[in-house]
Amino acid sequence: MTPAFEFAPGLTIQGFQAPLALSQFKLIAFDMDSTLINIECIDEIADAVGRKAEVAAITEAAMRGEITDFKESLRRRLALLKGVTLADMERVYTERLQINPGAAELISTCHKAGLQVLLVSGGFTFFANRVKERLNIDFARSNQLEVVNDTLTGQLVMQSWGDTCDGLEKRRTVLELASLMGIQPKQCIAVGDGANDLPMMGVSGLSVAYHAKPTVRAQAMVAINSGGLDRLLEVLTA
């Protein structure tokens, strides 16, 4: 890949000449936590049981790529969430979760250009399904927390595709949806911030790092280091 250069303040590109036509793409896939939204939900959930620092340290190491087994890191964090209630989860959603700047504008512009929008997250359906509705997203895939008597058990629920949406599942989801749409991977855009986003970014025609970890910024074709998600439109023409 060619060396990165600053296309505009806080916006770097590498491996292509901007601008590209947004219309040449048909699918855009977004990570959720710290990409579409401002928080890592699992860290904020852990705060309800006084374990935020411990969980956040594992999350940070996983997102930086220092822990390479995402499933194992997630299992470790989930075990620490045992006893969190749905009321605790609701407070995280209503009091802490915010949509990141430019997300709605970027998604609206993508829809107008004929793209489908996918949310694919290592986070949880409790939040992802609500974010999907708020942002008018077409498809969503994320992990489902097991709940018994309105309390988290620290486990995940098996879904039709599996139980853990890790980096490989993100990649598979993008390729699966592209196949169902009858399009090529090069017609996909993948947007994320952590190491578990790299597999889907690697198979997409355009990879975008949003306020991302260093290893992700280094491998992405576009790195948005300041401003909102809609800054992607500076390198994409309608």
C-alpha atoms as a PDB file:
ATOM      1  CA  MET A   1       0.000   0.000   0.000  1.00  0.00           C
ATOM      2  CA  THR A   2       1.303   3.460  -0.843  1.00  0.00           C
ATOM      3  CA  PRO A   3       2.326   5.748   2.025  1.00  0.00           C
ATOM      4  CA  ALA A   4      -0.493   7.657   3.691  1.00  0.00           C
ATOM      5  CA  PHE A   5      -0.774  11.402   3.248  1.00  0.00           C
ATOM      6  CA  GLU A   6      -2.997  14.022   4.816  1.00  0.00           C
ATOM      7  CA  PHE A   7      -5.816  14.742   2.386  1.00  0.00           C
ATOM      8  CA  ALA A   8      -7.189  17.440   4.700  1.00  0.00           C
ATOM      9  CA  PRO A   9      -6.537  18.291   8.351  1.00  0.00           C
ATOM     10  CA  GLY A  10      -7.412  15.210  10.402  1.00  0.00           C
ATOM     11  CA  LEU A  11      -8.148  13.121   7.297  1.00  0.00           C
ATOM     12  CA  THR A  12      -5.548  10.795   5.769  1.00  0.00           C
ATOM     13  CA  ILE A  13      -5.796   8.516   2.733  1.00  0.00           C
ATOM     14  CA  GLN A  14      -3.579   5.850   1.214  1.00  0.00           C
ATOM     15  CA  GLY A  15      -3.722   3.432  -1.694  1.00  0.00           C
ATOM     16  CA  PHE A  16      -6.044   5.428  -3.961  1.00  0.00           C
ATOM     17  CA  GLN A  17      -6.586   8.839  -5.475  1.00  0.00           C
ATOM     18  CA  ALA A  18      -9.509  10.834  -4.061  1.00  0.00           C
ATOM     19  CA  PRO A  19     -12.249  11.597  -4.715  1.00  0.00           C
ATOM     20  CA  LEU A  20     -14.058   8.342  -5.443  1.00  0.00           C
ATOM     21  CA  ALA A  21     -17.673   8.149  -6.599  1.00  0.00           C
ATOM     22  CA  LEU A  22     -20.008   7.057  -3.808  1.00  0.00           C
ATOM     23  CA  SER A  23     -22.252   5.562  -6.476  1.00  0.00           C
ATOM     24  CA  GLN A  24     -19.637   2.917  -7.305  1.00  0.00           C
ATOM     25  CA  PHE A  25     -20.361   1.298  -3.920  1.00  0.00           C
ATOM     26  CA  LYS A  26     -23.515  -0.622  -2.976  1.00  0.00           C
ATOM     27  CA  LEU A  27     -23.038  -1.530   0.693  1.00  0.00           C
ATOM     28  CA  ILE A  28     -21.527   0.260   3.687  1.00  0.00           C
ATOM     29  CA  ALA A  29     -20.843  -1.690   6.896  1.00  0.00           C
ATOM     30  CA  PHE A  30     -20.331   0.014  10.244  1.00  0.00           C
ATOM     31  CA  ASP A  31     -18.970  -1.162  13.549  1.00  0.00           C
ATOM     32  CA  MET A  32     -21.093   0.212  16.396  1.00  0.00           C
ATOM     33  CA  ASP A  33     -19.187   0.871  19.642  1.00  0.00           C
ATOM     34  CA  SER A  34     -16.892   3.903  19.349  1.00  0.00           C
ATOM     35  CA  THR A  35     -17.814   4.148  15.649  1.00  0.00           C
ATOM     36  CA  LEU A  36     -21.534   4.804  15.254  1.00  0.00           C
ATOM     37  CA  ILE A  37     -21.882   5.548  18.959  1.00  0.00           C
ATOM     38  CA  ASN A  38     -19.709   7.331  21.518  1.00  0.00           C
ATOM     39  CA  ILE A  39     -19.186   4.522  24.042  1.00  0.00           C
ATOM     40  CA  GLU A  40     -18.015   0.942  24.434  1.00  0.00           C
ATOM     41  CA  CYS A  41     -21.274  -0.450  25.797  1.00  0.00           C
ATOM     42  CA  ILE A  42     -19.678  -3.382  27.596  1.00  0.00           C
ATOM     43  CA  ASP A  43     -17.468  -1.026  29.624  1.00  0.00           C
ATOM     44  CA  GLU A  44     -20.448   1.105  30.656  1.00  0.00           C
ATOM     45  CA  ILE A  45     -22.505  -1.976  31.576  1.00  0.00           C
ATOM     46  CA  ALA A  46     -19.645  -3.157  33.772  1.00  0.00           C
ATOM     47  CA  ASP A  47     -19.744   0.167  35.608  1.00  0.00           C
ATOM     48  CA  ALA A  48     -23.093  -0.909  37.059  1.00  0.00           C
ATOM     49  CA  VAL A  49     -21.351  -3.659  39.039  1.00  0.00           C
ATOM     50  CA  GLY A  50     -18.185  -1.687  39.844  1.00  0.00           C
ATOM     51  CA  ARG A  51     -16.023  -3.494  37.303  1.00  0.00           C
ATOM     52  CA  LYS A  52     -15.590  -0.876  34.589  1.00  0.00           C
ATOM     53  CA  ALA A  53     -11.829  -0.469  35.001  1.00  0.00           C
ATOM     54  CA  GLU A  54     -11.206  -4.199  34.758  1.00  0.00           C
ATOM     55  CA  VAL A  55     -13.477  -4.693  31.745  1.00  0.00           C
ATOM     56  CA  ALA A  56     -12.287  -1.521  29.993  1.00  0.00           C
ATOM     57  CA  ALA A  57      -8.658  -2.664  30.239  1.00  0.00           C
ATOM     58  CA  ILE A  58      -9.520  -5.907  28.425  1.00  0.00           C
ATOM     59  CA  THR A  59     -11.589  -4.008  25.834  1.00  0.00           C
ATOM     60  CA  GLU A  60      -8.741  -1.589  25.138  1.00  0.00           C
ATOM     61  CA  ALA A  61      -6.223  -4.404  24.719  1.00  0.00           C
ATOM     62  CA  ALA A  62      -8.568  -6.271  22.362  1.00  0.00           C
ATOM     63  CA  MET A  63      -9.302  -3.194  20.247  1.00  0.00           C
ATOM     64  CA  ARG A  64      -5.587  -2.385  19.987  1.00  0.00           C
ATOM     65  CA  GLY A  65      -4.928  -5.933  18.785  1.00  0.00           C
ATOM     66  CA  GLU A  66      -2.886  -6.836  21.867  1.00  0.00           C
ATOM     67  CA  ILE A  67      -5.366  -9.622  22.671  1.00  0.00           C
ATOM     68  CA  THR A  68      -5.785 -11.534  19.422  1.00  0.00           C
ATOM     69  CA  ASP A  69      -8.530 -13.930  20.543  1.00  0.00           C
ATOM     70  CA  PHE A  70     -11.602 -11.686  20.566  1.00  0.00           C
ATOM     71  CA  LYS A  71     -13.923 -14.509  21.617  1.00  0.00           C
ATOM     72  CA  GLU A  72     -11.826 -15.272  24.670  1.00  0.00           C
ATOM     73  CA  SER A  73     -11.563 -11.595  25.595  1.00  0.00           C
ATOM     74  CA  LEU A  74     -15.328 -11.271  25.271  1.00  0.00           C
ATOM     75  CA  ARG A  75     -15.941 -14.352  27.424  1.00  0.00           C
ATOM     76  CA  ARG A  76     -13.690 -12.897  30.110  1.00  0.00           C
ATOM     77  CA  ARG A  77     -15.579  -9.614  30.070  1.00  0.00           C
ATOM     78  CA  LEU A  78     -19.020 -11.211  29.957  1.00  0.00           C
ATOM     79  CA  ALA A  79     -18.264 -13.260  33.058  1.00  0.00           C
ATOM     80  CA  LEU A  80     -17.705  -9.983  34.910  1.00  0.00           C
ATOM     81  CA  LEU A  81     -21.170  -8.743  33.868  1.00  0.00           C
ATOM     82  CA  LYS A  82     -23.051 -11.488  35.702  1.00  0.00           C
ATOM     83  CA  GLY A  83     -25.666  -9.854  37.890  1.00  0.00           C
ATOM     84  CA  VAL A  84     -26.194  -6.715  35.809  1.00  0.00           C
ATOM     85  CA  THR A  85     -29.917  -6.026  35.419  1.00  0.00           C
ATOM     86  CA  LEU A  86     -31.937  -4.893  32.417  1.00  0.00           C
ATOM     87  CA  ALA A  87     -32.620  -1.697  34.360  1.00  0.00           C
ATOM     88  CA  ASP A  88     -28.856  -1.098  34.485  1.00  0.00           C
ATOM     89  CA  MET A  89     -28.692  -1.670  30.718  1.00  0.00           C
ATOM     90  CA  GLU A  90     -31.538   0.768  30.150  1.00  0.00           C
ATOM     91  CA  ARG A  91     -29.705   3.456  32.101  1.00  0.00           C
ATOM     92  CA  VAL A  92     -26.615   2.974  29.945  1.00  0.00           C
ATOM     93  CA  TYR A  93     -28.745   3.448  26.845  1.00  0.00           C
ATOM     94  CA  THR A  94     -30.685   6.484  28.036  1.00  0.00           C
ATOM     95  CA  GLU A  95     -27.951   8.275  30.009  1.00  0.00           C
ATOM     96  CA  ARG A  96     -24.666   7.459  28.246  1.00  0.00           C
ATOM     97  CA  LEU A  97     -25.173   6.324  24.667  1.00  0.00           C
ATOM     98  CA  GLN A  98     -25.046   9.019  22.006  1.00  0.00           C
ATOM     99  CA  ILE A  99     -24.870   8.771  18.219  1.00  0.00           C
ATOM    100  CA  ASN A 100     -21.503   9.973  16.983  1.00  0.00           C
ATOM    101  CA  PRO A 101     -21.339  13.217  14.981  1.00  0.00           C
ATOM    102  CA  GLY A 102     -22.000  12.863  11.269  1.00  0.00           C
ATOM    103  CA  ALA A 103     -23.375   9.316  11.481  1.00  0.00           C
ATOM    104  CA  ALA A 104     -26.945  10.230  10.514  1.00  0.00           C
ATOM    105  CA  GLU A 105     -25.752  12.532   7.729  1.00  0.00           C
ATOM    106  CA  LEU A 106     -23.428   9.912   6.239  1.00  0.00           C
ATOM    107  CA  ILE A 107     -26.056   7.167   6.367  1.00  0.00           C
ATOM    108  CA  SER A 108     -28.695   9.418   4.806  1.00  0.00           C
ATOM    109  CA  THR A 109     -26.340  10.346   1.972  1.00  0.00           C
ATOM    110  CA  CYS A 110     -25.448   6.687   1.398  1.00  0.00           C
ATOM    111  CA  HIS A 111     -29.137   5.761   1.170  1.00  0.00           C
ATOM    112  CA  LYS A 112     -29.753   8.553  -1.325  1.00  0.00           C
ATOM    113  CA  ALA A 113     -26.866   7.215  -3.433  1.00  0.00           C
ATOM    114  CA  GLY A 114     -28.448   3.749  -3.455  1.00  0.00           C
ATOM    115  CA  LEU A 115     -26.299   2.011  -0.840  1.00  0.00           C
ATOM    116  CA  GLN A 116     -27.608  -0.477   1.711  1.00  0.00           C
ATOM    117  CA  VAL A 117     -26.357   0.007   5.282  1.00  0.00           C
ATOM    118  CA  LEU A 118     -25.179  -2.721   7.675  1.00  0.00           C
ATOM    119  CA  LEU A 119     -24.420  -2.475  11.384  1.00  0.00           C
ATOM    120  CA  VAL A 120     -22.173  -5.399  12.382  1.00  0.00           C
ATOM    121  CA  SER A 121     -20.951  -5.343  15.956  1.00  0.00           C
ATOM    122  CA  GLY A 122     -19.179  -7.285  18.638  1.00  0.00           C
ATOM    123  CA  GLY A 123     -21.554  -5.448  20.961  1.00  0.00           C
ATOM    124  CA  PHE A 124     -25.074  -6.378  21.933  1.00  0.00           C
ATOM    125  CA  THR A 125     -28.527  -6.557  20.361  1.00  0.00           C
ATOM    126  CA  PHE A 126     -29.988  -4.585  23.293  1.00  0.00           C
ATOM    127  CA  PHE A 127     -28.204  -1.519  21.919  1.00  0.00           C
ATOM    128  CA  ALA A 128     -27.598  -2.439  18.273  1.00  0.00           C
ATOM    129  CA  ASN A 129     -31.246  -2.980  17.410  1.00  0.00           C
ATOM    130  CA  ARG A 130     -32.161   0.418  18.857  1.00  0.00           C
ATOM    131  CA  VAL A 131     -29.314   2.154  17.028  1.00  0.00           C
ATOM    132  CA  LYS A 132     -30.458   0.410  13.839  1.00  0.00           C
ATOM    133  CA  GLU A 133     -33.910   1.920  14.225  1.00  0.00           C
ATOM    134  CA  ARG A 134     -32.667   5.384  15.190  1.00  0.00           C
ATOM    135  CA  LEU A 135     -30.388   5.631  12.162  1.00  0.00           C
ATOM    136  CA  ASN A 136     -32.659   3.860   9.655  1.00  0.00           C
ATOM    137  CA  ILE A 137     -30.077   1.114   9.096  1.00  0.00           C
ATOM    138  CA  ASP A 138     -31.087  -1.754   6.819  1.00  0.00           C
ATOM    139  CA  PHE A 139     -29.372  -4.742   8.487  1.00  0.00           C
ATOM    140  CA  ALA A 140     -27.821  -5.467  11.879  1.00  0.00           C
ATOM    141  CA  ARG A 141     -25.881  -8.336  13.418  1.00  0.00           C
ATOM    142  CA  SER A 142     -24.554  -8.379  16.989  1.00  0.00           C
ATOM    143  CA  ASN A 143     -24.299 -10.553  20.080  1.00  0.00           C
ATOM    144  CA  GLN A 144     -27.328 -11.397  22.212  1.00  0.00           C
ATOM    145  CA  LEU A 145     -26.865 -11.414  25.961  1.00  0.00           C
ATOM    146  CA  GLU A 146     -28.499 -14.221  27.920  1.00  0.00           C
ATOM    147  CA  VAL A 147     -30.998 -12.845  30.437  1.00  0.00           C
ATOM    148  CA  VAL A 148     -32.724 -14.788  33.222  1.00  0.00           C
ATOM    149  CA  ASN A 149     -35.151 -13.031  35.547  1.00  0.00           C
ATOM    150  CA  ASP A 150     -34.164  -9.655  34.083  1.00  0.00           C
ATOM    151  CA  THR A 151     -30.519 -10.288  35.003  1.00  0.00           C
ATOM    152  CA  LEU A 152     -27.475 -11.042  32.839  1.00  0.00           C
ATOM    153  CA  THR A 153     -26.018 -14.526  33.266  1.00  0.00           C
ATOM    154  CA  GLY A 154     -22.652 -13.623  31.764  1.00  0.00           C
ATOM    155  CA  GLN A 155     -23.305 -15.772  28.696  1.00  0.00           C
ATOM    156  CA  LEU A 156     -24.412 -15.238  25.089  1.00  0.00           C
ATOM    157  CA  VAL A 157     -27.424 -16.727  23.300  1.00  0.00           C
ATOM    158  CA  MET A 158     -26.871 -18.883  20.218  1.00  0.00           C
ATOM    159  CA  GLN A 159     -28.361 -17.248  17.096  1.00  0.00           C
ATOM    160  CA  SER A 160     -28.962 -18.660  13.617  1.00  0.00           C
ATOM    161  CA  TRP A 161     -25.460 -17.634  12.475  1.00  0.00           C
ATOM    162  CA  GLY A 162     -23.604 -18.492  15.699  1.00  0.00           C
ATOM    163  CA  ASP A 163     -23.063 -17.037  19.154  1.00  0.00           C
ATOM    164  CA  THR A 164     -20.181 -14.556  18.818  1.00  0.00           C
ATOM    165  CA  CYS A 165     -19.843 -11.727  16.316  1.00  0.00           C
ATOM    166  CA  ASP A 166     -16.053 -11.428  16.260  1.00  0.00           C
ATOM    167  CA  GLY A 167     -13.797 -10.150  13.505  1.00  0.00           C
ATOM    168  CA  LEU A 168     -14.180 -13.250  11.353  1.00  0.00           C
ATOM    169  CA  GLU A 169     -17.955 -13.129  11.705  1.00  0.00           C
ATOM    170  CA  LYS A 170     -17.935  -9.454  10.705  1.00  0.00           C
ATOM    171  CA  ARG A 171     -15.975 -10.400   7.581  1.00  0.00           C
ATOM    172  CA  ARG A 172     -18.309 -13.312   6.836  1.00  0.00           C
ATOM    173  CA  THR A 173     -21.379 -11.117   7.310  1.00  0.00           C
ATOM    174  CA  VAL A 174     -20.138  -8.509   4.843  1.00  0.00           C
ATOM    175  CA  LEU A 175     -19.286 -11.176   2.255  1.00  0.00           C
ATOM    176  CA  GLU A 176     -22.580 -13.003   2.843  1.00  0.00           C
ATOM    177  CA  LEU A 177     -24.656  -9.860   2.424  1.00  0.00           C
ATOM    178  CA  ALA A 178     -22.677  -8.813  -0.641  1.00  0.00           C
ATOM    179  CA  SER A 179     -23.356 -12.222  -2.184  1.00  0.00           C
ATOM    180  CA  LEU A 180     -27.078 -11.987  -1.400  1.00  0.00           C
ATOM    181  CA  MET A 181     -27.129  -8.521  -2.989  1.00  0.00           C
ATOM    182  CA  GLY A 182     -25.323  -9.821  -6.073  1.00  0.00           C
ATOM    183  CA  ILE A 183     -22.402  -7.420  -5.668  1.00  0.00           C
ATOM    184  CA  GLN A 184     -18.626  -7.771  -5.383  1.00  0.00           C
ATOM    185  CA  PRO A 185     -16.666  -7.096  -2.157  1.00  0.00           C
ATOM    186  CA  LYS A 186     -14.963  -4.207  -3.935  1.00  0.00           C
ATOM    187  CA  GLN A 187     -18.381  -2.507  -3.959  1.00  0.00           C
ATOM    188  CA  CYS A 188     -18.441  -2.504  -0.138  1.00  0.00           C
ATOM    189  CA  ILE A 189     -17.204   0.091   2.358  1.00  0.00           C
ATOM    190  CA  ALA A 190     -16.227  -0.998   5.887  1.00  0.00           C
ATOM    191  CA  VAL A 191     -15.960   1.496   8.753  1.00  0.00           C
ATOM    192  CA  GLY A 192     -14.515   0.697  12.178  1.00  0.00           C
ATOM    193  CA  ASP A 193     -12.095   1.611  14.942  1.00  0.00           C
ATOM    194  CA  GLY A 194     -10.739  -1.600  16.471  1.00  0.00           C
ATOM    195  CA  ALA A 195      -8.632  -4.607  15.535  1.00  0.00           C
ATOM    196  CA  ASN A 196     -11.710  -6.822  15.218  1.00  0.00           C
ATOM    197  CA  ASP A 197     -12.837  -4.607  12.331  1.00  0.00           C
ATOM    198  CA  LEU A 198      -9.742  -5.340  10.263  1.00  0.00           C
ATOM    199  CA  PRO A 199     -11.047  -8.607   8.708  1.00  0.00           C
ATOM    200  CA  MET A 200     -14.106  -6.897   7.172  1.00  0.00           C
ATOM    201  CA  MET A 201     -12.028  -3.877   6.221  1.00  0.00           C
ATOM    202  CA  GLY A 202      -9.546  -6.151   4.476  1.00  0.00           C
ATOM    203  CA  VAL A 203     -12.112  -7.641   2.084  1.00  0.00           C
ATOM    204  CA  SER A 204     -13.924  -4.379   1.286  1.00  0.00           C
ATOM    205  CA  GLY A 205     -13.241  -2.054  -1.591  1.00  0.00           C
ATOM    206  CA  LEU A 206     -12.826   0.904   0.764  1.00  0.00           C
ATOM    207  CA  SER A 207     -11.717   0.658   4.398  1.00  0.00           C
ATOM    208  CA  VAL A 208     -12.295   3.534   6.802  1.00  0.00           C
ATOM    209  CA  ALA A 209     -10.796   4.005  10.271  1.00  0.00           C
ATOM    210  CA  TYR A 210     -12.790   6.346  12.502  1.00  0.00           C
ATOM    211  CA  HIS A 211     -10.885   7.791  15.499  1.00  0.00           C
ATOM    212  CA  ALA A 212      -9.255   4.384  15.471  1.00  0.00           C
ATOM    213  CA  LYS A 213      -6.481   2.478  17.193  1.00  0.00           C
ATOM    214  CA  PRO A 214      -3.022   2.927  15.611  1.00  0.00           C
ATOM    215  CA  THR A 215      -2.929  -0.511  13.986  1.00  0.00           C
ATOM    216  CA  VAL A 216      -6.294   0.148  12.335  1.00  0.00           C
ATOM    217  CA  ARG A 217      -5.344   3.621  11.116  1.00  0.00           C
ATOM    218  CA  ALA A 218      -2.178   2.198   9.576  1.00  0.00           C
ATOM    219  CA  GLN A 219      -4.077  -0.380   7.522  1.00  0.00           C
ATOM    220  CA  ALA A 220      -7.126   1.643   6.491  1.00  0.00           C
ATOM    221  CA  MET A 221      -7.421   3.421   3.164  1.00  0.00           C
ATOM    222  CA  VAL A 222      -9.123   6.390   4.852  1.00  0.00           C
ATOM    223  CA  ALA A 223      -8.445   7.524   8.431  1.00  0.00           C
ATOM    224  CA  ILE A 224     -10.778  10.081   9.996  1.00  0.00           C
ATOM    225  CA  ASN A 225      -8.792  11.366  12.957  1.00  0.00           C
ATOM    226  CA  SER A 226     -10.848  14.466  13.774  1.00  0.00           C
ATOM    227  CA  GLY A 227     -14.430  15.506  13.123  1.00  0.00           C
ATOM    228  CA  GLY A 228     -17.479  13.381  12.398  1.00  0.00           C
ATOM    229  CA  LEU A 229     -18.236  10.326  10.304  1.00  0.00           C
ATOM    230  CA  ASP A 230     -19.587  12.528   7.534  1.00  0.00           C
ATOM    231  CA  ARG A 231     -16.003  13.581   6.798  1.00  0.00           C
ATOM    232  CA  LEU A 232     -15.882  10.439   4.666  1.00  0.00           C
ATOM    233  CA  LEU A 233     -17.910  12.438   2.145  1.00  0.00           C
ATOM    234  CA  GLU A 234     -14.859  14.632   1.585  1.00  0.00           C
ATOM    235  CA  VAL A 235     -13.281  11.752  -0.351  1.00  0.00           C
ATOM    236  CA  LEU A 236     -16.512  10.412  -1.883  1.00  0.00           C
ATOM    237  CA  THR A 237     -18.576  12.346  -4.428  1.00  0.00           C
ATOM    238  CA  ALA A 238     -22.280  11.589  -4.765  1.00  0.00           C
END
